[in-house]
């Protein structure tokens, strides 16, 4: 368990680098941040951790309000403290270079963390939203229902073990596309699928346009959304991108 600056207990697991990997992992730590209602314990997340461990040690965790972590989720706001706790722990156990790889909500948090709190050496945002309150797709309308309606929050708690804080943001947190401008000179990789059913490609382009160099944008043909759709090949390419920035 990790503990955040505001006292929330965070469920986490450390996977050492695999000796047979492309990189031996010396000094390289990779923090993996899951999407809304996700968990590092899910099969798709564990598969990603396994592949990334070929490029460095991996620290995966559950955001507040998710799974076995304490607290309630604020859906992208205070979660930057959860990422900070994971990054701090990665440094404590000996990783000199730390990259954060975030998926969906985790991508938004990774970008905001790197821009506002800094302290990382590379950022990868996969399937992330550029701005808040987007309702242009059916899945996102369902997400807003889960967040805003009492019956939706109850369903998220029972079915997904996700506990959502009541009430609107006050103040509204800096959106990811604006936070992206604060990341440089840390390298940023934005990855998005052209078959994403949650966030259309405009979100990836907006984050990328908001960021400063060094930055890269990968538009992945046929790729859907976040962890569940991420193939081992895509994850390996992300691992190689991280290694290339640390070599």
Protein backbone atom coordinates (compact mmCIF):
# COMPACT_ATOMS: atom_id res chain seq x y z
CA UNK A 1 0.00 0.00 0.00
CA UNK A 2 1.10 3.54 -0.78
CA UNK A 3 -0.12 6.67 0.94
CA UNK A 4 -0.85 9.93 -0.85
CA UNK A 5 -0.02 13.42 0.35
CA UNK A 6 -3.65 13.85 1.48
CA UNK A 7 -3.61 10.56 3.40
CA UNK A 8 -5.39 8.15 1.03
CA UNK A 9 -4.18 4.54 0.98
CA UNK A 10 -3.42 3.33 -2.55
CA UNK A 11 -3.28 -0.35 -3.52
CA UNK A 12 -0.20 -0.98 -5.67
CA UNK A 13 2.12 -3.70 -6.94
CA UNK A 14 5.72 -3.60 -8.11
CA UNK A 15 6.90 -5.85 -10.94
CA UNK A 16 10.71 -5.96 -11.30
CA UNK A 17 12.22 -5.72 -14.80
CA UNK A 18 12.46 -8.97 -16.69
CA UNK A 19 16.09 -9.92 -17.42
CA UNK A 20 15.17 -11.09 -20.92
CA UNK A 21 13.66 -7.75 -21.88
CA UNK A 22 14.91 -5.38 -24.56
CA UNK A 23 16.12 -3.08 -21.79
CA UNK A 24 17.61 -4.46 -18.60
CA UNK A 25 15.57 -1.98 -16.56
CA UNK A 26 18.54 -0.49 -14.73
CA UNK A 27 17.26 2.76 -13.35
CA UNK A 28 14.03 2.74 -15.40
CA UNK A 29 10.67 2.68 -13.63
CA UNK A 30 7.31 2.72 -15.39
CA UNK A 31 4.16 3.78 -13.53
CA UNK A 32 0.92 2.46 -15.09
CA UNK A 33 -2.29 4.43 -14.47
CA UNK A 34 -5.57 2.70 -15.35
CA UNK A 35 -8.83 4.10 -16.71
CA UNK A 36 -12.07 4.98 -14.90
CA UNK A 37 -13.57 1.92 -13.11
CA UNK A 38 -10.42 -0.05 -13.95
CA UNK A 39 -7.84 -1.77 -11.75
CA UNK A 40 -4.27 -2.99 -11.97
CA UNK A 41 -5.67 -6.40 -10.99
CA UNK A 42 -7.68 -6.78 -14.21
CA UNK A 43 -6.32 -9.19 -16.79
CA UNK A 44 -5.83 -6.51 -19.46
CA UNK A 45 -3.83 -4.35 -17.05
CA UNK A 46 -1.69 -7.28 -15.88
CA UNK A 47 -0.92 -8.12 -19.51
CA UNK A 48 0.27 -4.56 -20.09
CA UNK A 49 2.42 -4.68 -16.95
CA UNK A 50 4.00 -7.94 -18.10
CA UNK A 51 4.97 -6.52 -21.49
CA UNK A 52 6.27 -3.23 -20.07
CA UNK A 53 8.40 -5.11 -17.53
CA UNK A 54 10.63 -5.98 -20.48
CA UNK A 55 11.63 -2.32 -20.55
CA UNK A 56 11.89 -1.47 -16.86
CA UNK A 57 10.41 -2.11 -13.46
CA UNK A 58 6.66 -1.45 -13.37
CA UNK A 59 4.60 0.06 -10.58
CA UNK A 60 0.87 -0.43 -11.14
CA UNK A 61 -1.75 0.91 -8.75
CA UNK A 62 -5.46 1.51 -8.27
CA UNK A 63 -6.63 5.11 -8.18
CA UNK A 64 -8.48 6.29 -5.07
CA UNK A 65 -12.04 5.00 -4.98
CA UNK A 66 -11.11 2.01 -7.14
CA UNK A 67 -10.73 -1.60 -6.05
CA UNK A 68 -8.81 -1.97 -2.79
CA UNK A 69 -7.63 1.63 -2.63
CA UNK A 70 -9.23 3.97 -0.12
CA UNK A 71 -11.16 7.17 -0.64
CA UNK A 72 -13.45 8.18 -3.47
CA UNK A 73 -12.60 8.99 -7.07
CA UNK A 74 -12.79 12.59 -8.26
CA UNK A 75 -12.57 11.34 -11.87
CA UNK A 76 -9.30 13.03 -12.80
CA UNK A 77 -8.79 15.90 -10.36
CA UNK A 78 -7.11 14.94 -7.06
CA UNK A 79 -5.88 11.70 -8.65
CA UNK A 80 -2.68 13.54 -9.54
CA UNK A 81 -1.73 12.88 -5.89
CA UNK A 82 -2.15 9.14 -6.49
CA UNK A 83 0.26 9.27 -9.43
CA UNK A 84 2.64 11.36 -7.33
CA UNK A 85 2.62 8.69 -4.60
CA UNK A 86 3.47 6.02 -7.17
CA UNK A 87 6.23 8.10 -8.76
CA UNK A 88 7.69 8.90 -5.36
CA UNK A 89 7.71 5.21 -4.44
CA UNK A 90 9.40 4.31 -7.73
CA UNK A 91 12.16 6.78 -6.89
CA UNK A 92 12.42 5.44 -3.34
CA UNK A 93 13.01 1.87 -4.49
CA UNK A 94 15.82 2.98 -6.77
CA UNK A 95 14.53 3.96 -10.22
CA UNK A 96 16.45 6.96 -11.51
CA UNK A 97 14.22 7.56 -14.56
CA UNK A 98 10.45 7.30 -14.23
CA UNK A 99 7.87 7.28 -17.01
CA UNK A 100 4.10 7.37 -16.47
CA UNK A 101 1.83 5.50 -18.89
CA UNK A 102 -1.84 6.41 -18.48
CA UNK A 103 -4.94 5.01 -20.12
CA UNK A 104 -8.19 6.99 -20.60
CA UNK A 105 -8.82 8.76 -17.26
CA UNK A 106 -5.32 7.68 -16.28
CA UNK A 107 -3.99 9.43 -19.40
CA UNK A 108 -5.69 12.67 -18.36
CA UNK A 109 -4.25 12.33 -14.86
CA UNK A 110 -0.76 11.50 -16.18
CA UNK A 111 -0.74 14.62 -18.35
CA UNK A 112 -2.05 16.81 -15.53
CA UNK A 113 0.42 15.34 -13.04
CA UNK A 114 3.38 15.93 -15.34
CA UNK A 115 2.30 19.48 -16.09
CA UNK A 116 1.32 20.56 -12.58
CA UNK A 117 3.50 18.53 -10.21
CA UNK A 118 6.28 17.52 -12.62
CA UNK A 119 8.95 15.14 -11.34
CA UNK A 120 8.71 12.55 -14.16
CA UNK A 121 11.02 11.87 -17.10
CA UNK A 122 8.51 10.79 -19.79
CA UNK A 123 4.73 10.69 -20.22
CA UNK A 124 2.55 8.45 -22.37
CA UNK A 125 -1.15 9.32 -22.72
CA UNK A 126 -3.21 6.53 -24.28
CA UNK A 127 -6.88 7.06 -25.28
CA UNK A 128 -7.09 10.17 -23.14
CA UNK A 129 -9.64 13.00 -23.14
CA UNK A 130 -8.42 16.48 -23.97
CA UNK A 131 -11.17 18.31 -22.08
CA UNK A 132 -13.86 17.76 -19.48
CA UNK A 133 -17.61 17.15 -19.76
CA UNK A 134 -17.42 15.51 -23.19
CA UNK A 135 -20.72 13.75 -23.99
CA UNK A 136 -20.44 13.28 -27.73
CA UNK A 137 -20.45 9.46 -27.66
CA UNK A 138 -22.84 6.99 -26.09
CA UNK A 139 -20.18 5.46 -23.79
CA UNK A 140 -19.34 8.92 -22.44
CA UNK A 141 -23.00 9.70 -21.82
CA UNK A 142 -23.15 6.47 -19.82
CA UNK A 143 -20.04 7.53 -17.86
CA UNK A 144 -21.64 10.86 -16.99
CA UNK A 145 -24.78 9.05 -15.86
CA UNK A 146 -22.67 6.91 -13.52
CA UNK A 147 -20.92 9.98 -12.12
CA UNK A 148 -23.88 12.33 -11.77
CA UNK A 149 -26.87 10.15 -10.83
CA UNK A 150 -27.27 8.44 -7.42
CA UNK A 151 -28.36 5.21 -9.07
CA UNK A 152 -25.34 5.45 -11.40
CA UNK A 153 -22.94 5.87 -8.50
CA UNK A 154 -24.60 2.92 -6.74
CA UNK A 155 -24.19 0.77 -9.84
CA UNK A 156 -20.51 1.76 -10.18
CA UNK A 157 -19.91 0.86 -6.54
CA UNK A 158 -21.63 -2.54 -6.74
CA UNK A 159 -20.61 -3.68 -10.22
CA UNK A 160 -17.19 -2.04 -10.67
CA UNK A 161 -16.08 -1.50 -7.05
CA UNK A 162 -15.68 2.19 -7.90
CA UNK A 163 -16.68 4.75 -5.30
CA UNK A 164 -17.42 8.16 -6.81
CA UNK A 165 -17.38 11.42 -4.88
CA UNK A 166 -20.66 13.32 -4.99
CA UNK A 167 -21.01 16.85 -6.28
CA UNK A 168 -19.38 18.91 -9.03
CA UNK A 169 -15.76 19.99 -9.15
CA UNK A 170 -15.08 23.25 -7.35
CA UNK A 171 -12.98 24.68 -8.85
CA UNK A 172 -12.93 22.90 -12.22
CA UNK A 173 -9.43 21.39 -12.66
CA UNK A 174 -7.12 22.43 -15.46
CA UNK A 175 -8.05 20.34 -18.53
CA UNK A 176 -5.47 17.96 -20.03
CA UNK A 177 -4.92 19.93 -23.24
CA UNK A 178 -3.91 22.98 -21.21
CA UNK A 179 -1.78 20.95 -18.79
CA UNK A 180 0.03 19.45 -21.79
CA UNK A 181 1.61 22.85 -22.46
CA UNK A 182 3.40 22.64 -19.09
CA UNK A 183 5.09 19.27 -19.59
CA UNK A 184 8.09 20.29 -21.73
CA UNK A 185 11.00 19.64 -21.74
CA UNK A 186 9.79 16.20 -20.61
CA UNK A 187 8.87 14.12 -23.70
CA UNK A 188 5.18 13.38 -24.28
CA UNK A 189 3.72 10.57 -26.39
CA UNK A 190 0.03 10.76 -27.29
CA UNK A 191 -1.51 7.47 -28.51
CA UNK A 192 -5.06 7.21 -29.80
CA UNK A 193 -7.06 4.77 -31.90
CA UNK A 194 -9.18 5.74 -34.87
CA UNK A 195 -11.79 3.23 -33.62
CA UNK A 196 -12.06 4.72 -30.11
CA UNK A 197 -15.74 4.66 -29.10
CA UNK A 198 -15.28 6.98 -26.10
CA UNK A 199 -13.16 9.87 -27.38
CA UNK A 200 -12.79 10.71 -31.10
CA UNK A 201 -9.43 11.61 -32.59
CA UNK A 202 -10.01 15.33 -32.03
CA UNK A 203 -9.06 14.76 -28.37
CA UNK A 204 -5.64 13.37 -29.28
CA UNK A 205 -5.03 16.20 -31.73
CA UNK A 206 -6.04 18.78 -29.12
CA UNK A 207 -3.64 17.38 -26.50
CA UNK A 208 -0.85 17.16 -29.05
CA UNK A 209 -1.47 20.70 -30.32
CA UNK A 210 -1.46 22.01 -26.76
CA UNK A 211 1.88 20.39 -25.94
CA UNK A 212 5.33 21.73 -26.75
CA UNK A 213 8.29 19.80 -28.11
CA UNK A 214 9.45 17.14 -27.54
CA UNK A 215 6.20 15.39 -28.41
CA UNK A 216 4.88 12.59 -30.63
CA UNK A 217 1.43 11.59 -31.83
CA UNK A 218 0.55 8.04 -32.84
CA UNK A 219 -2.83 7.48 -34.50
CA UNK A 220 -3.39 3.72 -34.39
CA UNK A 221 -5.60 2.22 -37.15
CA UNK A 222 -8.32 -0.05 -35.78
CA UNK A 223 -7.38 0.55 -32.14
CA UNK A 224 -10.34 0.93 -29.80
CA UNK A 225 -10.16 2.29 -26.28
CA UNK A 226 -7.61 2.05 -23.48
CA UNK A 227 -6.30 -1.10 -21.80
CA UNK A 228 -8.83 -3.62 -23.09
CA UNK A 229 -7.96 -2.88 -26.73
CA UNK A 230 -4.19 -2.44 -26.33
CA UNK A 231 -2.33 -5.19 -28.17
CA UNK A 232 1.01 -6.56 -26.96
CA UNK A 233 2.60 -5.09 -30.10
CA UNK A 234 1.38 -1.59 -29.25
CA UNK A 235 2.54 -1.93 -25.65
CA UNK A 236 5.96 -3.12 -26.82
CA UNK A 237 6.25 -0.08 -29.08
CA UNK A 238 5.40 2.14 -26.12
CA UNK A 239 8.09 0.37 -24.10
CA UNK A 240 10.63 0.95 -26.88
CA UNK A 241 9.65 4.63 -27.04
CA UNK A 242 10.31 4.94 -23.31
CA UNK A 243 13.67 3.17 -23.67
CA UNK A 244 14.67 5.41 -26.58
CA UNK A 245 14.11 8.49 -24.44
CA UNK A 246 16.21 7.09 -21.61
CA UNK A 247 19.13 5.79 -23.65
